[in-house]
Amino acid sequence: QVQLVESGGGLVQPGGSLRLSCAASGSIPSYSILGWYRGNERELVAFIVGDDTTHYADSVKGRFTISRDIVKNTLNLQMNSLRAEDTDTYYCKASWRSLTIWGQGTQVTVSS
């Protein structure tokens, strides 16, 4: 079964940037829905369908950008203008047909 592994989390000052990546251990269909979520409640941050249809939570619009590389089977989240309230564990998720796969999460801490 395909596994997802996140990376790129860390400690950053308010106003700073981080880039999260999610690498799949195998091939993921191009029609799959890939998303980033955060927290124990798995709050939606952003998702992408195909390589150009995107949706963002209101709280991150204009600051975060989701992208994917279908050939490399990777998902990215560029996070700019980070705020203290963005502090959380970020998870990637892949869904296609009846299958849903979660990564193990990566911690993002925004603090001075």
C-alpha atoms as a PDB file:
ATOM      1  CA  GLN A   1       0.000   0.000   0.000  1.00  0.00           C
ATOM      2  CA  VAL A   2       1.161   3.520  -0.762  1.00  0.00           C
ATOM      3  CA  GLN A   3       2.525   5.455   2.228  1.00  0.00           C
ATOM      4  CA  LEU A   4       2.796   9.213   2.655  1.00  0.00           C
ATOM      5  CA  VAL A   5       5.682  10.893   4.462  1.00  0.00           C
ATOM      6  CA  GLU A   6       5.631  14.590   5.348  1.00  0.00           C
ATOM      7  CA  SER A   7       8.704  16.753   5.855  1.00  0.00           C
ATOM      8  CA  GLY A   8       9.652  20.402   6.150  1.00  0.00           C
ATOM      9  CA  GLY A   9       8.116  21.298   9.486  1.00  0.00           C
ATOM     10  CA  GLY A  10       9.997  23.220  12.131  1.00  0.00           C
ATOM     11  CA  LEU A  11      10.215  26.379  14.190  1.00  0.00           C
ATOM     12  CA  VAL A  12       9.786  29.729  12.455  1.00  0.00           C
ATOM     13  CA  GLN A  13       9.231  33.288  13.607  1.00  0.00           C
ATOM     14  CA  PRO A  14       5.949  35.086  12.935  1.00  0.00           C
ATOM     15  CA  GLY A  15       5.954  36.442   9.398  1.00  0.00           C
ATOM     16  CA  GLY A  16       8.323  33.741   8.231  1.00  0.00           C
ATOM     17  CA  SER A  17       7.906  30.960   5.684  1.00  0.00           C
ATOM     18  CA  LEU A  18       8.078  27.200   5.563  1.00  0.00           C
ATOM     19  CA  ARG A  19       7.605  24.699   2.760  1.00  0.00           C
ATOM     20  CA  LEU A  20       6.055  21.359   3.608  1.00  0.00           C
ATOM     21  CA  SER A  21       6.426  18.351   1.361  1.00  0.00           C
ATOM     22  CA  CYS A  22       4.599  15.042   1.232  1.00  0.00           C
ATOM     23  CA  ALA A  23       6.216  12.179  -0.633  1.00  0.00           C
ATOM     24  CA  ALA A  24       4.321   9.084  -1.717  1.00  0.00           C
ATOM     25  CA  SER A  25       6.063   5.711  -1.706  1.00  0.00           C
ATOM     26  CA  GLY A  26       4.218   4.704  -4.862  1.00  0.00           C
ATOM     27  CA  SER A  27       2.156   6.012  -7.717  1.00  0.00           C
ATOM     28  CA  ILE A  28      -0.941   8.100  -7.004  1.00  0.00           C
ATOM     29  CA  PRO A  29      -3.521   8.622  -9.772  1.00  0.00           C
ATOM     30  CA  SER A  30      -3.582  12.088 -11.304  1.00  0.00           C
ATOM     31  CA  TYR A  31      -7.344  12.330 -10.585  1.00  0.00           C
ATOM     32  CA  SER A  32      -6.829  11.816  -6.850  1.00  0.00           C
ATOM     33  CA  ILE A  33      -7.582  14.512  -4.305  1.00  0.00           C
ATOM     34  CA  LEU A  34      -4.554  15.527  -2.255  1.00  0.00           C
ATOM     35  CA  GLY A  35      -4.858  17.740   0.767  1.00  0.00           C
ATOM     36  CA  TRP A  36      -3.201  19.251   3.793  1.00  0.00           C
ATOM     37  CA  TYR A  37      -4.908  19.182   7.165  1.00  0.00           C
ATOM     38  CA  ARG A  38      -3.878  20.235  10.642  1.00  0.00           C
ATOM     39  CA  GLY A  39      -4.576  19.408  14.251  1.00  0.00           C
ATOM     40  CA  ASN A  40      -6.284  16.599  16.062  1.00  0.00           C
ATOM     41  CA  GLU A  41      -9.571  17.533  14.364  1.00  0.00           C
ATOM     42  CA  ARG A  42      -7.862  17.377  10.970  1.00  0.00           C
ATOM     43  CA  GLU A  43      -8.962  20.873   9.983  1.00  0.00           C
ATOM     44  CA  LEU A  44      -8.770  21.328   6.223  1.00  0.00           C
ATOM     45  CA  VAL A  45      -5.995  23.680   5.142  1.00  0.00           C
ATOM     46  CA  ALA A  46      -6.031  23.188   1.371  1.00  0.00           C
ATOM     47  CA  PHE A  47      -6.619  20.546  -1.247  1.00  0.00           C
ATOM     48  CA  ILE A  48      -5.821  20.073  -4.910  1.00  0.00           C
ATOM     49  CA  VAL A  49      -7.505  17.967  -7.583  1.00  0.00           C
ATOM     50  CA  GLY A  50      -5.447  17.102 -10.636  1.00  0.00           C
ATOM     51  CA  ASP A  51      -2.657  19.645 -10.834  1.00  0.00           C
ATOM     52  CA  ASP A  52      -4.539  22.933 -10.973  1.00  0.00           C
ATOM     53  CA  THR A  53      -7.886  22.853  -9.143  1.00  0.00           C
ATOM     54  CA  THR A  54      -7.319  24.136  -5.626  1.00  0.00           C
ATOM     55  CA  HIS A  55      -9.292  25.110  -2.546  1.00  0.00           C
ATOM     56  CA  TYR A  56      -8.110  26.896   0.583  1.00  0.00           C
ATOM     57  CA  ALA A  57      -9.464  27.479   4.046  1.00  0.00           C
ATOM     58  CA  ASP A  58     -10.326  31.146   4.539  1.00  0.00           C
ATOM     59  CA  SER A  59      -7.723  31.408   7.283  1.00  0.00           C
ATOM     60  CA  VAL A  60      -4.852  30.640   4.893  1.00  0.00           C
ATOM     61  CA  LYS A  61      -6.032  32.205   1.621  1.00  0.00           C
ATOM     62  CA  GLY A  62      -3.407  34.487   0.148  1.00  0.00           C
ATOM     63  CA  ARG A  63      -0.694  33.102   2.426  1.00  0.00           C
ATOM     64  CA  PHE A  64      -0.456  29.395   1.585  1.00  0.00           C
ATOM     65  CA  THR A  65      -0.057  27.738  -1.802  1.00  0.00           C
ATOM     66  CA  ILE A  66      -0.657  24.060  -2.487  1.00  0.00           C
ATOM     67  CA  SER A  67       0.947  22.309  -5.434  1.00  0.00           C
ATOM     68  CA  ARG A  68       1.696  18.807  -6.633  1.00  0.00           C
ATOM     69  CA  ASP A  69       4.094  17.052  -8.948  1.00  0.00           C
ATOM     70  CA  ILE A  70       2.142  14.228 -10.528  1.00  0.00           C
ATOM     71  CA  VAL A  71       5.243  12.619 -12.055  1.00  0.00           C
ATOM     72  CA  LYS A  72       7.230  12.666  -8.799  1.00  0.00           C
ATOM     73  CA  ASN A  73       4.159  11.839  -6.658  1.00  0.00           C
ATOM     74  CA  THR A  74       4.786  14.715  -4.288  1.00  0.00           C
ATOM     75  CA  LEU A  75       2.556  17.300  -2.662  1.00  0.00           C
ATOM     76  CA  ASN A  76       3.786  20.637  -1.379  1.00  0.00           C
ATOM     77  CA  LEU A  77       2.482  23.444   0.789  1.00  0.00           C
ATOM     78  CA  GLN A  78       4.259  26.789   0.641  1.00  0.00           C
ATOM     79  CA  MET A  79       3.384  28.722   3.780  1.00  0.00           C
ATOM     80  CA  ASN A  80       4.169  32.437   3.908  1.00  0.00           C
ATOM     81  CA  SER A  81       3.364  35.163   6.436  1.00  0.00           C
ATOM     82  CA  LEU A  82       3.043  32.556   9.150  1.00  0.00           C
ATOM     83  CA  ARG A  83       1.173  33.416  12.333  1.00  0.00           C
ATOM     84  CA  ALA A  84       1.208  31.957  15.825  1.00  0.00           C
ATOM     85  CA  GLU A  85      -2.221  30.456  15.181  1.00  0.00           C
ATOM     86  CA  ASP A  86      -0.755  28.384  12.334  1.00  0.00           C
ATOM     87  CA  THR A  87       1.129  26.352  14.935  1.00  0.00           C
ATOM     88  CA  ASP A  88      -0.010  22.748  14.688  1.00  0.00           C
ATOM     89  CA  THR A  89       0.747  19.305  13.312  1.00  0.00           C
ATOM     90  CA  TYR A  90       0.196  19.206   9.557  1.00  0.00           C
ATOM     91  CA  TYR A  91      -0.917  16.057   7.778  1.00  0.00           C
ATOM     92  CA  CYS A  92      -1.200  15.206   4.111  1.00  0.00           C
ATOM     93  CA  LYS A  93      -3.946  13.004   2.771  1.00  0.00           C
ATOM     94  CA  ALA A  94      -4.544  11.276  -0.532  1.00  0.00           C
ATOM     95  CA  SER A  95      -7.942  10.009  -1.650  1.00  0.00           C
ATOM     96  CA  TRP A  96      -9.017   8.170  -4.752  1.00  0.00           C
ATOM     97  CA  ARG A  97     -11.915   5.810  -5.359  1.00  0.00           C
ATOM     98  CA  SER A  98     -12.600   4.240  -1.938  1.00  0.00           C
ATOM     99  CA  LEU A  99      -9.038   4.620  -0.667  1.00  0.00           C
ATOM    100  CA  THR A 100      -7.846   7.257   1.821  1.00  0.00           C
ATOM    101  CA  ILE A 101      -4.264   7.460   3.035  1.00  0.00           C
ATOM    102  CA  TRP A 102      -2.835   9.762   5.724  1.00  0.00           C
ATOM    103  CA  GLY A 103       0.723  10.719   6.481  1.00  0.00           C
ATOM    104  CA  GLN A 104       2.150  10.688   9.993  1.00  0.00           C
ATOM    105  CA  GLY A 105       2.299  14.467  10.328  1.00  0.00           C
ATOM    106  CA  THR A 106       4.938  17.149  10.662  1.00  0.00           C
ATOM    107  CA  GLN A 107       5.027  19.793  13.395  1.00  0.00           C
ATOM    108  CA  VAL A 108       4.956  23.486  12.551  1.00  0.00           C
ATOM    109  CA  THR A 109       5.650  25.943  15.353  1.00  0.00           C
ATOM    110  CA  VAL A 110       5.380  29.693  14.805  1.00  0.00           C
ATOM    111  CA  SER A 111       6.919  31.568  17.702  1.00  0.00           C
ATOM    112  CA  SER A 112       9.327  34.370  18.442  1.00  0.00           C
END
